[in-house]
Amino acid sequence: MTTTKNNIPVGYKDSAVGIIPQEWEVKRVKDIGKVVTGSTPPTTDASNYGNEYMFVSPADLSDRQKYIYCTEKMLSSKGYNKSRKIPKGAVLYTCIGSTIGKIGIAPCELSSNQQINAVICKNDNEYLYYVLLYRTGQIRMLAGEQAVPIINKSDFENIKLAVPPLAEQKKIAEILGVWDEAIEKQNLLIEKLELRKRALMQRLLTGKTRLHGFTEPWQKVKLGEISTIKKGVQVNKNTLQEYGKYPTINGGIDPSGYSDNYNTEANTITISEGGNSCGYVNFITTKFWSGGHCYTITPLNNIKNLYLYHQLKYFEPRIMIQRVGSGLPNIQFNMLIKFECFLPTLLEQTAIAEVLNTADKEIAIHIKTLDALRLQKRGLMQQLLTGKTRVKI
């Protein structure tokens, strides 16, 4: 690529948002459309809420679904008339707290709460959706280091964006839309596979459906009779390293740091003992340090490890409802010992585990494909929304 003396490619220019094509402009959000902030009808009046109109909050937005098709809360006609109406096609962007950057497009007229700014676009709304999504990391920096980060309406309106001619905007949005469609289809496929696996678990792990050749009756046993249950050992946070050899699992789900030591072998069942994830069942495939809020479950000799994991995972909701304590809920050791499981013969355990493992592997393959699609989309956004790669009109 030929460059000028300032190392700027021929046909490009320096701008407030970086090097962009000569014919592109730098515009503020308010130049692209009118910005309105949502409002919440009084929650003290239950009649404001119903099931007639969508009421968008940050929980309803993500970077994985472009259009908003359902919301956790809905408004009645009365509540909707008290709210600020947002027209079809508006781009909704969350501007407060840890949810800054959650984004979506209104598929119909709706309303939102005050944590969301909506841009009513003059021209192509999908291009604005993609360029705001791409710039989210930089936009979050505008909120600063406050206790509750916030981007006020004025700052949001004055965010500068690179804007190509309208025909190029539409083409860029069309190309990225192809990837969005592929991602959405992949998400739906994964959801169907997970539902199918759930149905398999419901039938196979309760004995309602028996695999071919198995007729022997099942036993109802207590978890403490068929496994060894241990609580992990708390470690000082200061001893953890970002790049150690073994993960430290504190609540059975999230590595809280890395250590050069481990106290638990690979392929171990864990149950989170405390906190918001209390009762969550997981299967850790690497050696790790079991922390103070993690139970490890080691099956006895006549128990198939993965069968017991699937059994406990299926009954995870039953484990969770056994939580005690209001401030920091926890699972009691005595409850786990007495927790009841269904136990077939070792051969049938093995056969059931193989069926469910096959389902897990199929889901994992499609999740890997989904991750690849998202990575490809991110690369395309980086090329197309900066003008580094031009589209043919």
Protein backbone atom coordinates (compact mmCIF):
# COMPACT_ATOMS: atom_id res chain seq x y z
CA MET A 1 0.00 0.00 0.00
CA THR A 2 1.41 3.42 -1.01
CA THR A 3 1.75 5.85 1.88
CA THR A 4 2.29 9.60 2.21
CA LYS A 5 5.24 11.19 4.00
CA ASN A 6 3.22 11.05 7.25
CA ASN A 7 2.86 7.29 6.79
CA ILE A 8 -0.84 7.64 5.96
CA PRO A 9 -2.00 5.43 3.07
CA VAL A 10 -2.93 7.20 -0.15
CA GLY A 11 -6.70 7.73 -0.22
CA TYR A 12 -6.88 7.96 3.57
CA LYS A 13 -6.71 10.79 6.10
CA ASP A 14 -6.01 11.29 9.77
CA SER A 15 -9.05 12.13 11.89
CA ALA A 16 -10.35 12.39 15.46
CA VAL A 17 -11.10 8.65 15.37
CA GLY A 18 -7.93 7.54 13.61
CA ILE A 19 -6.96 7.01 9.98
CA ILE A 20 -10.05 6.66 7.76
CA PRO A 21 -10.82 6.80 4.01
CA GLN A 22 -10.85 10.31 2.50
CA GLU A 23 -14.59 10.22 1.69
CA TRP A 24 -15.60 9.11 5.17
CA GLU A 25 -16.74 11.66 7.73
CA VAL A 26 -16.42 11.93 11.50
CA LYS A 27 -19.82 12.48 13.06
CA ARG A 28 -21.14 12.67 16.58
CA VAL A 29 -23.90 10.32 17.66
CA LYS A 30 -26.34 13.25 17.81
CA ASP A 31 -25.52 14.04 14.15
CA ILE A 32 -26.61 10.52 13.21
CA GLY A 33 -29.87 10.56 15.13
CA LYS A 34 -31.86 11.98 18.01
CA VAL A 35 -30.88 10.59 21.42
CA VAL A 36 -33.62 9.96 23.98
CA THR A 37 -33.30 8.45 27.44
CA GLY A 38 -35.81 5.91 28.68
CA SER A 39 -38.09 6.32 31.68
CA THR A 40 -39.67 3.95 34.18
CA PRO A 41 -43.38 4.10 35.08
CA PRO A 42 -43.93 4.14 38.88
CA THR A 43 -43.23 0.65 40.22
CA THR A 44 -45.43 1.34 43.24
CA ASP A 45 -48.46 1.00 40.96
CA ALA A 46 -48.62 -2.64 39.85
CA SER A 47 -51.22 -1.80 37.20
CA ASN A 48 -48.47 -0.10 35.15
CA TYR A 49 -47.06 -3.54 34.41
CA GLY A 50 -48.61 -6.36 32.43
CA ASN A 51 -47.91 -8.22 29.21
CA GLU A 52 -48.77 -5.84 26.39
CA TYR A 53 -45.64 -3.77 25.62
CA MET A 54 -41.93 -4.55 25.85
CA PHE A 55 -40.02 -2.62 28.51
CA VAL A 56 -36.27 -2.90 27.88
CA SER A 57 -33.68 -2.95 30.66
CA PRO A 58 -29.94 -3.74 30.38
CA ALA A 59 -30.71 -7.39 31.23
CA ASP A 60 -32.54 -7.68 27.90
CA LEU A 61 -29.59 -6.49 25.81
CA SER A 62 -26.40 -8.26 24.76
CA ASP A 63 -23.77 -8.17 22.03
CA ARG A 64 -25.03 -11.57 20.81
CA GLN A 65 -28.51 -10.68 19.59
CA LYS A 66 -29.13 -7.67 17.38
CA TYR A 67 -32.90 -7.32 17.72
CA ILE A 68 -34.82 -7.33 21.01
CA TYR A 69 -37.64 -9.86 20.78
CA CYS A 70 -38.57 -10.28 24.46
CA THR A 71 -38.04 -8.50 27.77
CA GLU A 72 -38.07 -9.62 31.40
CA LYS A 73 -40.68 -6.96 32.25
CA MET A 74 -43.68 -5.91 30.21
CA LEU A 75 -45.91 -2.88 30.53
CA SER A 76 -49.68 -2.53 30.49
CA SER A 77 -51.32 0.08 28.24
CA LYS A 78 -51.51 2.35 31.28
CA GLY A 79 -47.81 1.99 32.06
CA TYR A 80 -46.83 2.31 28.43
CA ASN A 81 -48.68 5.62 28.14
CA LYS A 82 -46.66 6.91 31.11
CA SER A 83 -43.33 5.84 29.62
CA ARG A 84 -41.16 7.44 26.93
CA LYS A 85 -41.98 5.66 23.67
CA ILE A 86 -39.11 4.54 21.46
CA PRO A 87 -39.87 3.96 17.77
CA LYS A 88 -39.14 0.87 15.70
CA GLY A 89 -35.56 0.80 14.42
CA ALA A 90 -34.02 2.81 17.27
CA VAL A 91 -30.62 1.65 18.51
CA LEU A 92 -30.63 1.11 22.30
CA TYR A 93 -27.36 1.47 24.24
CA THR A 94 -26.79 0.94 27.97
CA CYS A 95 -24.83 3.77 29.60
CA ILE A 96 -24.46 2.85 33.27
CA GLY A 97 -22.57 0.43 35.50
CA SER A 98 -21.04 -2.85 34.45
CA THR A 99 -23.63 -3.13 31.67
CA ILE A 100 -22.21 -0.22 29.65
CA GLY A 101 -22.12 -1.27 26.02
CA LYS A 102 -25.03 -3.70 26.00
CA ILE A 103 -26.85 -2.90 22.80
CA GLY A 104 -29.82 -3.83 20.61
CA ILE A 105 -32.26 -2.62 17.97
CA ALA A 106 -35.98 -2.10 18.58
CA PRO A 107 -38.00 -4.34 16.20
CA CYS A 108 -41.19 -2.45 17.07
CA GLU A 109 -42.28 0.52 19.15
CA LEU A 110 -41.36 -0.07 22.80
CA SER A 111 -40.01 1.68 25.88
CA SER A 112 -36.95 1.36 28.10
CA ASN A 113 -35.71 2.35 31.52
CA GLN A 114 -33.49 5.34 32.23
CA GLN A 115 -30.26 3.33 32.08
CA ILE A 116 -30.60 3.17 28.31
CA ASN A 117 -30.12 5.83 25.64
CA ALA A 118 -31.93 5.24 22.36
CA VAL A 119 -30.73 6.72 19.07
CA ILE A 120 -33.52 7.41 16.57
CA CYS A 121 -31.49 7.27 13.37
CA LYS A 122 -31.86 9.52 10.38
CA ASN A 123 -30.47 6.90 7.99
CA ASP A 124 -29.00 3.41 8.43
CA ASN A 125 -29.61 2.14 11.97
CA GLU A 126 -27.73 -1.14 11.47
CA TYR A 127 -24.45 0.60 10.65
CA LEU A 128 -24.78 2.63 13.85
CA TYR A 129 -25.48 -0.60 15.77
CA TYR A 130 -22.27 -2.18 14.49
CA VAL A 131 -20.01 0.84 14.92
CA LEU A 132 -21.21 1.40 18.52
CA LEU A 133 -20.72 -2.29 19.23
CA TYR A 134 -17.20 -2.14 17.79
CA ARG A 135 -16.30 1.00 19.76
CA THR A 136 -17.68 -0.25 23.10
CA GLY A 137 -14.26 -0.72 24.72
CA GLN A 138 -13.34 2.91 24.03
CA ILE A 139 -16.79 4.18 24.97
CA ARG A 140 -16.59 2.50 28.40
CA MET A 141 -13.50 4.58 29.13
CA LEU A 142 -15.66 7.73 29.05
CA ALA A 143 -17.33 6.59 32.26
CA GLY A 144 -14.09 6.96 34.22
CA GLU A 145 -13.25 5.31 37.54
CA GLN A 146 -16.45 6.10 39.44
CA ALA A 147 -18.06 3.81 42.01
CA VAL A 148 -20.93 3.43 39.55
CA PRO A 149 -19.58 4.15 36.05
CA ILE A 150 -21.96 6.24 33.97
CA ILE A 151 -21.95 7.95 30.58
CA ASN A 152 -24.36 10.87 30.71
CA LYS A 153 -26.58 11.73 27.77
CA SER A 154 -24.48 14.72 26.70
CA ASP A 155 -21.26 12.68 26.61
CA PHE A 156 -23.02 9.88 24.73
CA GLU A 157 -24.42 12.32 22.16
CA ASN A 158 -20.94 13.70 21.51
CA ILE A 159 -19.18 10.36 20.91
CA LYS A 160 -17.37 10.61 17.57
CA LEU A 161 -17.70 7.85 15.01
CA ALA A 162 -16.30 7.13 11.55
CA VAL A 163 -19.16 7.28 9.06
CA PRO A 164 -18.86 6.25 5.38
CA PRO A 165 -21.31 7.31 2.63
CA LEU A 166 -24.79 5.82 3.07
CA ALA A 167 -24.42 3.19 0.34
CA GLU A 168 -21.22 1.92 1.97
CA GLN A 169 -22.87 1.94 5.40
CA LYS A 170 -25.62 -0.32 4.09
CA LYS A 171 -23.16 -2.69 2.42
CA ILE A 172 -21.02 -3.00 5.57
CA ALA A 173 -24.12 -3.69 7.67
CA GLU A 174 -25.30 -6.25 5.11
CA ILE A 175 -21.99 -8.16 5.24
CA LEU A 176 -21.87 -8.18 9.05
CA GLY A 177 -25.52 -9.20 9.07
CA VAL A 178 -24.61 -12.41 7.24
CA TRP A 179 -22.31 -13.34 10.14
CA ASP A 180 -25.02 -12.40 12.64
CA GLU A 181 -27.46 -14.74 10.91
CA ALA A 182 -24.93 -17.57 11.01
CA ILE A 183 -24.24 -16.87 14.71
CA GLU A 184 -27.96 -16.80 15.52
CA LYS A 185 -28.53 -20.12 13.73
CA GLN A 186 -25.60 -21.66 15.58
CA ASN A 187 -26.97 -20.39 18.90
CA LEU A 188 -30.38 -21.91 18.13
CA LEU A 189 -28.77 -25.22 17.19
CA ILE A 190 -26.84 -25.29 20.47
CA GLU A 191 -30.02 -24.50 22.41
CA LYS A 192 -31.81 -27.40 20.70
CA LEU A 193 -28.93 -29.77 21.43
CA GLU A 194 -28.89 -28.69 25.07
CA LEU A 195 -32.66 -29.24 25.33
CA ARG A 196 -32.24 -32.67 23.75
CA LYS A 197 -29.51 -33.52 26.25
CA ARG A 198 -31.70 -32.31 29.10
CA ALA A 199 -34.47 -34.62 27.92
CA LEU A 200 -31.99 -37.51 27.73
CA MET A 201 -30.86 -36.79 31.28
CA GLN A 202 -34.44 -36.67 32.52
CA ARG A 203 -35.21 -40.08 31.03
CA LEU A 204 -31.92 -41.92 31.55
CA LEU A 205 -30.90 -40.62 34.99
CA THR A 206 -34.24 -41.43 36.60
CA GLY A 207 -34.68 -44.86 34.99
CA LYS A 208 -37.83 -43.78 33.12
CA THR A 209 -36.14 -44.98 29.92
CA ARG A 210 -33.75 -47.93 30.07
CA LEU A 211 -30.99 -48.54 27.55
CA HIS A 212 -31.27 -51.77 25.56
CA GLY A 213 -30.30 -54.89 27.49
CA PHE A 214 -30.58 -53.45 31.01
CA THR A 215 -33.38 -54.67 33.30
CA GLU A 216 -31.89 -54.90 36.80
CA PRO A 217 -33.61 -52.70 39.40
CA TRP A 218 -31.97 -49.47 40.56
CA GLN A 219 -31.06 -48.57 44.12
CA LYS A 220 -31.82 -45.31 45.90
CA VAL A 221 -28.65 -44.40 47.80
CA LYS A 222 -27.21 -41.48 49.74
CA LEU A 223 -24.30 -39.55 48.26
CA GLY A 224 -22.22 -40.16 51.38
CA GLU A 225 -22.62 -43.93 50.89
CA ILE A 226 -21.19 -43.98 47.37
CA SER A 227 -18.51 -41.26 47.51
CA THR A 228 -16.00 -39.40 49.62
CA ILE A 229 -16.94 -35.76 50.12
CA LYS A 230 -14.26 -33.25 51.09
CA LYS A 231 -14.26 -29.53 51.62
CA GLY A 232 -11.35 -27.64 50.08
CA VAL A 233 -8.69 -25.62 51.86
CA GLN A 234 -8.83 -21.85 51.78
CA VAL A 235 -5.78 -20.08 50.39
CA ASN A 236 -4.58 -16.53 50.91
CA LYS A 237 -5.33 -14.41 47.83
CA ASN A 238 -1.86 -12.92 48.03
CA THR A 239 -0.32 -16.33 47.33
CA LEU A 240 -2.17 -16.70 44.03
CA GLN A 241 -0.48 -15.95 40.73
CA GLU A 242 -1.92 -14.84 37.43
CA TYR A 243 0.15 -17.35 35.49
CA GLY A 244 0.70 -20.34 37.72
CA LYS A 245 0.51 -24.01 36.83
CA TYR A 246 -2.82 -25.05 38.42
CA PRO A 247 -6.15 -23.24 38.74
CA THR A 248 -7.56 -22.46 42.16
CA ILE A 249 -11.26 -23.30 42.25
CA ASN A 250 -12.90 -21.51 45.15
CA GLY A 251 -16.58 -22.02 44.47
CA GLY A 252 -16.40 -24.92 42.08
CA ILE A 253 -16.82 -22.82 38.95
CA ASP A 254 -14.47 -19.87 38.47
CA PRO A 255 -10.70 -19.90 38.77
CA SER A 256 -9.91 -17.16 41.30
CA GLY A 257 -6.21 -17.29 40.53
CA TYR A 258 -3.42 -19.71 39.73
CA SER A 259 -0.98 -21.51 41.96
CA ASP A 260 2.01 -23.81 41.55
CA ASN A 261 0.35 -26.30 43.92
CA TYR A 262 -2.67 -28.57 43.70
CA ASN A 263 -4.62 -30.67 46.18
CA THR A 264 -7.08 -32.32 43.78
CA GLU A 265 -6.53 -34.59 40.82
CA ALA A 266 -7.99 -34.10 37.35
CA ASN A 267 -11.49 -35.34 36.46
CA THR A 268 -13.06 -34.47 39.78
CA ILE A 269 -16.66 -33.53 40.56
CA THR A 270 -17.04 -30.24 42.46
CA ILE A 271 -19.98 -28.57 44.19
CA SER A 272 -19.82 -24.91 45.12
CA GLU A 273 -20.26 -24.52 48.88
CA GLY A 274 -21.06 -20.81 49.23
CA GLY A 275 -21.94 -17.55 47.52
CA ASN A 276 -24.25 -16.84 44.59
CA SER A 277 -23.16 -20.01 42.77
CA CYS A 278 -23.81 -22.14 45.84
CA GLY A 279 -24.84 -25.67 44.80
CA TYR A 280 -23.42 -25.46 41.27
CA VAL A 281 -22.10 -28.83 40.07
CA ASN A 282 -19.06 -28.99 37.80
CA PHE A 283 -16.50 -31.48 36.45
CA ILE A 284 -12.91 -30.23 36.46
CA THR A 285 -10.70 -31.98 33.90
CA THR A 286 -7.34 -30.62 35.12
CA LYS A 287 -5.48 -30.82 38.42
CA PHE A 288 -6.45 -27.91 40.65
CA TRP A 289 -6.40 -26.45 44.15
CA SER A 290 -9.79 -26.92 45.81
CA GLY A 291 -10.46 -23.74 47.79
CA GLY A 292 -12.47 -23.11 50.93
CA HIS A 293 -15.83 -22.80 49.18
CA CYS A 294 -15.52 -25.95 47.10
CA TYR A 295 -16.62 -29.52 47.87
CA THR A 296 -14.98 -32.33 45.91
CA ILE A 297 -16.82 -35.59 45.31
CA THR A 298 -14.77 -38.77 44.77
CA PRO A 299 -16.87 -41.87 43.87
CA LEU A 300 -16.13 -45.23 45.46
CA ASN A 301 -14.86 -48.16 43.38
CA ASN A 302 -18.23 -49.40 42.11
CA ILE A 303 -19.35 -45.96 40.93
CA LYS A 304 -18.66 -44.49 37.50
CA ASN A 305 -17.24 -40.98 37.94
CA LEU A 306 -18.98 -39.38 34.96
CA TYR A 307 -22.27 -41.12 35.71
CA LEU A 308 -22.29 -39.58 39.20
CA TYR A 309 -21.43 -36.17 37.72
CA HIS A 310 -24.36 -36.34 35.28
CA GLN A 311 -26.67 -37.55 38.06
CA LEU A 312 -25.70 -34.64 40.35
CA LYS A 313 -25.83 -32.15 37.47
CA TYR A 314 -29.37 -33.25 36.63
CA PHE A 315 -30.42 -32.85 40.26
CA GLU A 316 -28.53 -29.55 40.66
CA PRO A 317 -31.78 -27.58 41.30
CA ARG A 318 -32.55 -29.94 44.21
CA ILE A 319 -29.10 -29.29 45.65
CA MET A 320 -29.51 -25.54 45.29
CA ILE A 321 -32.79 -25.40 47.19
CA GLN A 322 -30.96 -26.91 50.17
CA ARG A 323 -28.96 -23.73 50.62
CA VAL A 324 -29.10 -22.11 54.04
CA GLY A 325 -28.21 -18.62 55.24
CA SER A 326 -29.51 -15.28 53.98
CA GLY A 327 -26.42 -13.08 53.66
CA LEU A 328 -24.02 -15.62 52.18
CA PRO A 329 -25.92 -18.84 51.36
CA ASN A 330 -24.06 -22.11 51.76
CA ILE A 331 -24.48 -25.85 51.33
CA GLN A 332 -24.12 -27.88 54.51
CA PHE A 333 -21.84 -30.92 54.53
CA ASN A 334 -24.50 -33.00 56.32
CA MET A 335 -27.01 -32.26 53.57
CA LEU A 336 -24.64 -33.53 50.88
CA ILE A 337 -23.97 -36.75 52.76
CA LYS A 338 -27.71 -37.45 52.91
CA PHE A 339 -28.51 -36.33 49.36
CA GLU A 340 -30.31 -39.17 47.52
CA CYS A 341 -29.16 -40.50 44.14
CA PHE A 342 -30.42 -43.22 41.78
CA LEU A 343 -27.88 -45.97 41.19
CA PRO A 344 -27.99 -48.65 38.45
CA THR A 345 -25.35 -51.36 37.97
CA LEU A 346 -21.82 -50.28 37.03
CA LEU A 347 -22.35 -51.48 33.43
CA GLU A 348 -25.51 -49.42 33.06
CA GLN A 349 -23.84 -46.41 34.68
CA THR A 350 -21.09 -46.67 32.06
CA ALA A 351 -23.57 -46.95 29.18
CA ILE A 352 -25.60 -43.95 30.39
CA ALA A 353 -22.45 -41.86 30.87
CA GLU A 354 -21.32 -42.69 27.32
CA VAL A 355 -24.64 -41.52 25.84
CA LEU A 356 -24.55 -38.24 27.76
CA ASN A 357 -20.83 -37.71 27.05
CA THR A 358 -21.55 -38.09 23.33
CA ALA A 359 -24.23 -35.40 23.65
CA ASP A 360 -21.75 -33.14 25.49
CA LYS A 361 -19.11 -33.63 22.79
CA GLU A 362 -21.59 -32.72 20.05
CA ILE A 363 -22.53 -29.54 21.92
CA ALA A 364 -18.84 -28.70 22.46
CA ILE A 365 -18.14 -29.02 18.71
CA HIS A 366 -20.90 -26.56 17.89
CA ILE A 367 -19.79 -24.16 20.63
CA LYS A 368 -16.32 -24.19 19.05
CA THR A 369 -17.90 -23.34 15.69
CA LEU A 370 -19.86 -20.53 17.35
CA ASP A 371 -16.68 -19.11 18.89
CA ALA A 372 -14.99 -19.20 15.47
CA LEU A 373 -17.91 -17.31 13.88
CA ARG A 374 -17.75 -14.64 16.58
CA LEU A 375 -14.01 -14.28 16.10
CA GLN A 376 -14.46 -13.95 12.33
CA LYS A 377 -17.15 -11.31 12.84
CA ARG A 378 -14.88 -9.37 15.19
CA GLY A 379 -12.11 -9.42 12.57
CA LEU A 380 -14.51 -8.22 9.88
CA MET A 381 -15.72 -5.39 12.10
CA GLN A 382 -12.15 -4.29 12.68
CA GLN A 383 -11.48 -4.20 8.94
CA LEU A 384 -14.78 -2.82 7.64
CA LEU A 385 -15.68 -0.26 10.33
CA THR A 386 -12.28 1.45 10.10
CA GLY A 387 -12.15 1.44 6.31
CA LYS A 388 -8.99 -0.70 6.23
CA THR A 389 -10.88 -3.01 3.89
CA ARG A 390 -13.31 -1.34 1.49
CA VAL A 391 -16.48 -2.90 0.17
CA LYS A 392 -17.64 -2.80 -3.42
CA ILE A 393 -20.85 -0.82 -3.92
